[in-house]
Amino acid sequence: MTLLTNLKEKKKLFFKRQNIFYLLIIFIIFFLDRYSKTTVLKNFDEKSHYINNFINFDLIWNTGIGFGLMSFDSTLIYNLITFLICSVIIILLIVALSFKAMDKLFFTLIIGGALGNFYDRLIFKAVPDFIDLHYNGYHWFTFNVADIFITMGIIGYLINGSLRT
């Protein structure tokens, strides 16, 4: 009975007026990411498209986690990583509810981006990455809009945390 009571309390906390704002941000980030990926998938093939001296659009399919790390050919490992990502997103949603506004905002950025990439893992069995930053022949990892929001959330949370101590 306590589990059911606890879930009801979390549901009430989740749909509090102040949390609706953060849920809206999560959905906006998710749809910005979907829009960018849909546009790239419809208009670009897997060739590199020059934008300027610092950025190209270069579509690649990432089966790993952020920036192509932990890419494996094994379906079992891919499914385990996908399950782990789903679990982390759920935990972040629950944990974020108890934070103050600024930390909640940073977790919102992370969750919105993570949901965008998680959707791609489920639908495409890989995440389309297409933003290629480079300078003088040195290239950063290829990434997407969801990765930008995840990175902004993590950096913001770390900076905010270091300022409190």
C-alpha atoms as a PDB file:
ATOM      1  CA  MET A   1       0.000   0.000   0.000  1.00  0.00           C
ATOM      2  CA  THR A   2       2.876   2.397   0.700  1.00  0.00           C
ATOM      3  CA  LEU A   3       4.163   2.041  -2.858  1.00  0.00           C
ATOM      4  CA  LEU A   4       0.752   3.009  -4.224  1.00  0.00           C
ATOM      5  CA  THR A   5       0.533   5.929  -1.809  1.00  0.00           C
ATOM      6  CA  ASN A   6       4.049   7.013  -2.744  1.00  0.00           C
ATOM      7  CA  LEU A   7       3.181   6.900  -6.466  1.00  0.00           C
ATOM      8  CA  LYS A   8       0.061   9.002  -5.878  1.00  0.00           C
ATOM      9  CA  GLU A   9       2.154  11.584  -4.003  1.00  0.00           C
ATOM     10  CA  LYS A  10       4.704  11.671  -6.842  1.00  0.00           C
ATOM     11  CA  LYS A  11       1.887  12.125  -9.361  1.00  0.00           C
ATOM     12  CA  LYS A  12       0.523  15.087  -7.383  1.00  0.00           C
ATOM     13  CA  LEU A  13       4.016  16.574  -7.154  1.00  0.00           C
ATOM     14  CA  PHE A  14       4.630  15.938 -10.857  1.00  0.00           C
ATOM     15  CA  PHE A  15       1.543  17.861 -11.988  1.00  0.00           C
ATOM     16  CA  LYS A  16       1.876  20.812  -9.646  1.00  0.00           C
ATOM     17  CA  ARG A  17       1.435  24.136 -11.403  1.00  0.00           C
ATOM     18  CA  GLN A  18       5.104  25.088 -11.097  1.00  0.00           C
ATOM     19  CA  ASN A  19       6.179  21.759 -12.630  1.00  0.00           C
ATOM     20  CA  ILE A  20       3.928  22.192 -15.678  1.00  0.00           C
ATOM     21  CA  PHE A  21       6.320  24.948 -16.833  1.00  0.00           C
ATOM     22  CA  TYR A  22       9.244  22.509 -16.736  1.00  0.00           C
ATOM     23  CA  LEU A  23       7.241  19.810 -18.508  1.00  0.00           C
ATOM     24  CA  LEU A  24       6.465  22.332 -21.236  1.00  0.00           C
ATOM     25  CA  ILE A  25      10.186  23.073 -21.632  1.00  0.00           C
ATOM     26  CA  ILE A  26      10.882  19.337 -21.915  1.00  0.00           C
ATOM     27  CA  PHE A  27       8.318  19.018 -24.707  1.00  0.00           C
ATOM     28  CA  ILE A  28       9.649  22.108 -26.520  1.00  0.00           C
ATOM     29  CA  ILE A  29      13.193  20.711 -26.434  1.00  0.00           C
ATOM     30  CA  PHE A  30      11.933  17.322 -27.608  1.00  0.00           C
ATOM     31  CA  PHE A  31      10.062  18.873 -30.543  1.00  0.00           C
ATOM     32  CA  LEU A  32      12.969  21.160 -31.503  1.00  0.00           C
ATOM     33  CA  ASP A  33      15.178  18.095 -31.615  1.00  0.00           C
ATOM     34  CA  ARG A  34      12.599  16.109 -33.621  1.00  0.00           C
ATOM     35  CA  TYR A  35      12.166  18.999 -36.057  1.00  0.00           C
ATOM     36  CA  SER A  36      15.920  19.363 -36.613  1.00  0.00           C
ATOM     37  CA  LYS A  37      16.436  15.636 -37.139  1.00  0.00           C
ATOM     38  CA  THR A  38      13.406  15.282 -39.412  1.00  0.00           C
ATOM     39  CA  THR A  39      14.614  18.205 -41.523  1.00  0.00           C
ATOM     40  CA  VAL A  40      18.097  16.740 -41.828  1.00  0.00           C
ATOM     41  CA  LEU A  41      16.815  13.236 -42.608  1.00  0.00           C
ATOM     42  CA  LYS A  42      14.493  14.547 -45.329  1.00  0.00           C
ATOM     43  CA  ASN A  43      16.946  16.978 -46.933  1.00  0.00           C
ATOM     44  CA  PHE A  44      20.420  15.505 -46.495  1.00  0.00           C
ATOM     45  CA  ASP A  45      21.968  12.228 -47.413  1.00  0.00           C
ATOM     46  CA  GLU A  46      25.030  10.791 -45.717  1.00  0.00           C
ATOM     47  CA  LYS A  47      27.387  13.157 -47.538  1.00  0.00           C
ATOM     48  CA  SER A  48      28.979  16.104 -45.785  1.00  0.00           C
ATOM     49  CA  HIS A  49      27.368  19.488 -46.480  1.00  0.00           C
ATOM     50  CA  TYR A  50      29.585  22.511 -46.070  1.00  0.00           C
ATOM     51  CA  ILE A  51      27.976  25.345 -44.070  1.00  0.00           C
ATOM     52  CA  ASN A  52      30.991  27.542 -43.270  1.00  0.00           C
ATOM     53  CA  ASN A  53      34.630  27.275 -42.132  1.00  0.00           C
ATOM     54  CA  PHE A  54      33.605  25.929 -38.708  1.00  0.00           C
ATOM     55  CA  ILE A  55      30.519  23.794 -39.241  1.00  0.00           C
ATOM     56  CA  ASN A  56      29.297  21.104 -41.632  1.00  0.00           C
ATOM     57  CA  PHE A  57      26.188  18.969 -41.644  1.00  0.00           C
ATOM     58  CA  ASP A  58      27.443  15.413 -41.822  1.00  0.00           C
ATOM     59  CA  LEU A  59      24.788  12.760 -41.115  1.00  0.00           C
ATOM     60  CA  ILE A  60      26.017   9.757 -39.165  1.00  0.00           C
ATOM     61  CA  TRP A  61      24.090   7.139 -37.194  1.00  0.00           C
ATOM     62  CA  ASN A  62      25.206   6.764 -33.596  1.00  0.00           C
ATOM     63  CA  THR A  63      24.415   3.455 -31.862  1.00  0.00           C
ATOM     64  CA  GLY A  64      26.321   4.409 -28.717  1.00  0.00           C
ATOM     65  CA  ILE A  65      25.685   7.028 -26.080  1.00  0.00           C
ATOM     66  CA  GLY A  66      26.766  10.676 -26.180  1.00  0.00           C
ATOM     67  CA  PHE A  67      29.280  11.552 -28.891  1.00  0.00           C
ATOM     68  CA  GLY A  68      29.373   7.969 -30.184  1.00  0.00           C
ATOM     69  CA  LEU A  69      30.902   6.495 -27.050  1.00  0.00           C
ATOM     70  CA  MET A  70      30.105   2.870 -26.215  1.00  0.00           C
ATOM     71  CA  SER A  71      29.057   1.899 -29.754  1.00  0.00           C
ATOM     72  CA  PHE A  72      28.779  -1.866 -30.045  1.00  0.00           C
ATOM     73  CA  ASP A  73      27.572  -4.254 -32.736  1.00  0.00           C
ATOM     74  CA  SER A  74      25.828  -6.439 -30.161  1.00  0.00           C
ATOM     75  CA  THR A  75      22.024  -6.154 -30.052  1.00  0.00           C
ATOM     76  CA  LEU A  76      22.053  -7.298 -26.432  1.00  0.00           C
ATOM     77  CA  ILE A  77      24.419  -4.523 -25.355  1.00  0.00           C
ATOM     78  CA  TYR A  78      22.471  -1.969 -27.407  1.00  0.00           C
ATOM     79  CA  ASN A  79      19.228  -3.032 -25.712  1.00  0.00           C
ATOM     80  CA  LEU A  80      20.853  -2.958 -22.263  1.00  0.00           C
ATOM     81  CA  ILE A  81      22.165   0.565 -22.877  1.00  0.00           C
ATOM     82  CA  THR A  82      18.726   1.644 -24.139  1.00  0.00           C
ATOM     83  CA  PHE A  83      17.071   0.192 -21.014  1.00  0.00           C
ATOM     84  CA  LEU A  84      19.667   1.950 -18.840  1.00  0.00           C
ATOM     85  CA  ILE A  85      18.984   5.260 -20.614  1.00  0.00           C
ATOM     86  CA  CYS A  86      15.239   4.819 -20.071  1.00  0.00           C
ATOM     87  CA  SER A  87      15.844   4.105 -16.379  1.00  0.00           C
ATOM     88  CA  VAL A  88      18.062   7.176 -16.006  1.00  0.00           C
ATOM     89  CA  ILE A  89      15.427   9.394 -17.662  1.00  0.00           C
ATOM     90  CA  ILE A  90      12.750   8.123 -15.269  1.00  0.00           C
ATOM     91  CA  ILE A  91      15.035   8.613 -12.260  1.00  0.00           C
ATOM     92  CA  LEU A  92      15.944  12.128 -13.431  1.00  0.00           C
ATOM     93  CA  LEU A  93      12.253  12.996 -13.766  1.00  0.00           C
ATOM     94  CA  ILE A  94      11.524  11.799 -10.237  1.00  0.00           C
ATOM     95  CA  VAL A  95      14.622  13.387  -8.695  1.00  0.00           C
ATOM     96  CA  ALA A  96      14.168  16.695 -10.533  1.00  0.00           C
ATOM     97  CA  LEU A  97      10.806  17.210  -8.830  1.00  0.00           C
ATOM     98  CA  SER A  98      12.509  17.694  -5.471  1.00  0.00           C
ATOM     99  CA  PHE A  99      15.045  20.280  -6.631  1.00  0.00           C
ATOM    100  CA  LYS A 100      14.856  24.042  -6.499  1.00  0.00           C
ATOM    101  CA  ALA A 101      14.038  26.053  -9.616  1.00  0.00           C
ATOM    102  CA  MET A 102      17.540  26.489 -11.074  1.00  0.00           C
ATOM    103  CA  ASP A 103      18.555  22.843 -10.686  1.00  0.00           C
ATOM    104  CA  LYS A 104      15.138  21.781 -11.932  1.00  0.00           C
ATOM    105  CA  LEU A 105      15.749  23.863 -15.064  1.00  0.00           C
ATOM    106  CA  PHE A 106      19.104  22.158 -15.679  1.00  0.00           C
ATOM    107  CA  PHE A 107      17.532  18.716 -15.251  1.00  0.00           C
ATOM    108  CA  THR A 108      14.748  19.792 -17.604  1.00  0.00           C
ATOM    109  CA  LEU A 109      17.330  20.540 -20.319  1.00  0.00           C
ATOM    110  CA  ILE A 110      18.960  17.148 -19.793  1.00  0.00           C
ATOM    111  CA  ILE A 111      15.642  15.259 -19.789  1.00  0.00           C
ATOM    112  CA  GLY A 112      14.343  17.035 -22.907  1.00  0.00           C
ATOM    113  CA  GLY A 113      17.484  16.176 -24.864  1.00  0.00           C
ATOM    114  CA  ALA A 114      17.644  12.641 -23.488  1.00  0.00           C
ATOM    115  CA  LEU A 115      14.038  11.994 -24.535  1.00  0.00           C
ATOM    116  CA  GLY A 116      14.847  13.148 -28.077  1.00  0.00           C
ATOM    117  CA  ASN A 117      17.759  10.734 -28.384  1.00  0.00           C
ATOM    118  CA  PHE A 118      15.848   7.951 -26.607  1.00  0.00           C
ATOM    119  CA  TYR A 119      13.024   8.294 -29.145  1.00  0.00           C
ATOM    120  CA  ASP A 120      15.531   7.818 -31.975  1.00  0.00           C
ATOM    121  CA  ARG A 121      17.023   4.741 -30.297  1.00  0.00           C
ATOM    122  CA  LEU A 122      13.555   3.183 -30.159  1.00  0.00           C
ATOM    123  CA  ILE A 123      12.400   4.181 -33.653  1.00  0.00           C
ATOM    124  CA  PHE A 124      15.608   4.066 -35.735  1.00  0.00           C
ATOM    125  CA  LYS A 125      17.803   1.804 -33.547  1.00  0.00           C
ATOM    126  CA  ALA A 126      20.377   4.619 -33.694  1.00  0.00           C
ATOM    127  CA  VAL A 127      20.577   8.364 -33.137  1.00  0.00           C
ATOM    128  CA  PRO A 128      21.129  10.642 -36.150  1.00  0.00           C
ATOM    129  CA  ASP A 129      23.995  13.029 -35.406  1.00  0.00           C
ATOM    130  CA  PHE A 130      24.709  15.712 -37.967  1.00  0.00           C
ATOM    131  CA  ILE A 131      26.426  18.819 -36.525  1.00  0.00           C
ATOM    132  CA  ASP A 132      30.141  18.655 -37.297  1.00  0.00           C
ATOM    133  CA  LEU A 133      32.222  21.414 -35.667  1.00  0.00           C
ATOM    134  CA  HIS A 134      35.762  21.764 -36.963  1.00  0.00           C
ATOM    135  CA  TYR A 135      38.733  24.098 -37.141  1.00  0.00           C
ATOM    136  CA  ASN A 136      41.844  23.705 -39.300  1.00  0.00           C
ATOM    137  CA  GLY A 137      41.108  20.045 -39.960  1.00  0.00           C
ATOM    138  CA  TYR A 138      40.384  19.186 -36.315  1.00  0.00           C
ATOM    139  CA  HIS A 139      36.859  17.887 -35.824  1.00  0.00           C
ATOM    140  CA  TRP A 140      34.844  17.620 -32.626  1.00  0.00           C
ATOM    141  CA  PHE A 141      32.480  14.669 -32.179  1.00  0.00           C
ATOM    142  CA  THR A 142      29.452  14.903 -34.463  1.00  0.00           C
ATOM    143  CA  PHE A 143      26.336  15.690 -32.402  1.00  0.00           C
ATOM    144  CA  ASN A 144      22.712  16.844 -32.639  1.00  0.00           C
ATOM    145  CA  VAL A 145      20.343  19.372 -31.048  1.00  0.00           C
ATOM    146  CA  ALA A 146      19.428  17.003 -28.191  1.00  0.00           C
ATOM    147  CA  ASP A 147      23.120  16.688 -27.304  1.00  0.00           C
ATOM    148  CA  ILE A 148      23.366  20.483 -27.101  1.00  0.00           C
ATOM    149  CA  PHE A 149      20.599  20.637 -24.495  1.00  0.00           C
ATOM    150  CA  ILE A 150      22.016  17.689 -22.540  1.00  0.00           C
ATOM    151  CA  THR A 151      25.439  19.335 -22.464  1.00  0.00           C
ATOM    152  CA  MET A 152      24.007  22.735 -21.470  1.00  0.00           C
ATOM    153  CA  GLY A 153      22.072  21.081 -18.628  1.00  0.00           C
ATOM    154  CA  ILE A 154      25.094  19.169 -17.325  1.00  0.00           C
ATOM    155  CA  ILE A 155      27.436  22.171 -17.518  1.00  0.00           C
ATOM    156  CA  GLY A 156      24.834  24.447 -15.916  1.00  0.00           C
ATOM    157  CA  TYR A 157      24.218  21.976 -13.094  1.00  0.00           C
ATOM    158  CA  LEU A 158      27.955  21.537 -12.434  1.00  0.00           C
ATOM    159  CA  ILE A 159      28.632  25.284 -12.451  1.00  0.00           C
ATOM    160  CA  ASN A 160      25.628  25.998 -10.252  1.00  0.00           C
ATOM    161  CA  GLY A 161      26.718  23.248  -7.842  1.00  0.00           C
ATOM    162  CA  SER A 162      30.282  24.541  -7.660  1.00  0.00           C
ATOM    163  CA  LEU A 163      29.048  28.067  -6.911  1.00  0.00           C
ATOM    164  CA  ARG A 164      27.080  26.796  -3.911  1.00  0.00           C
ATOM    165  CA  THR A 165      30.073  25.194  -2.234  1.00  0.00           C
END
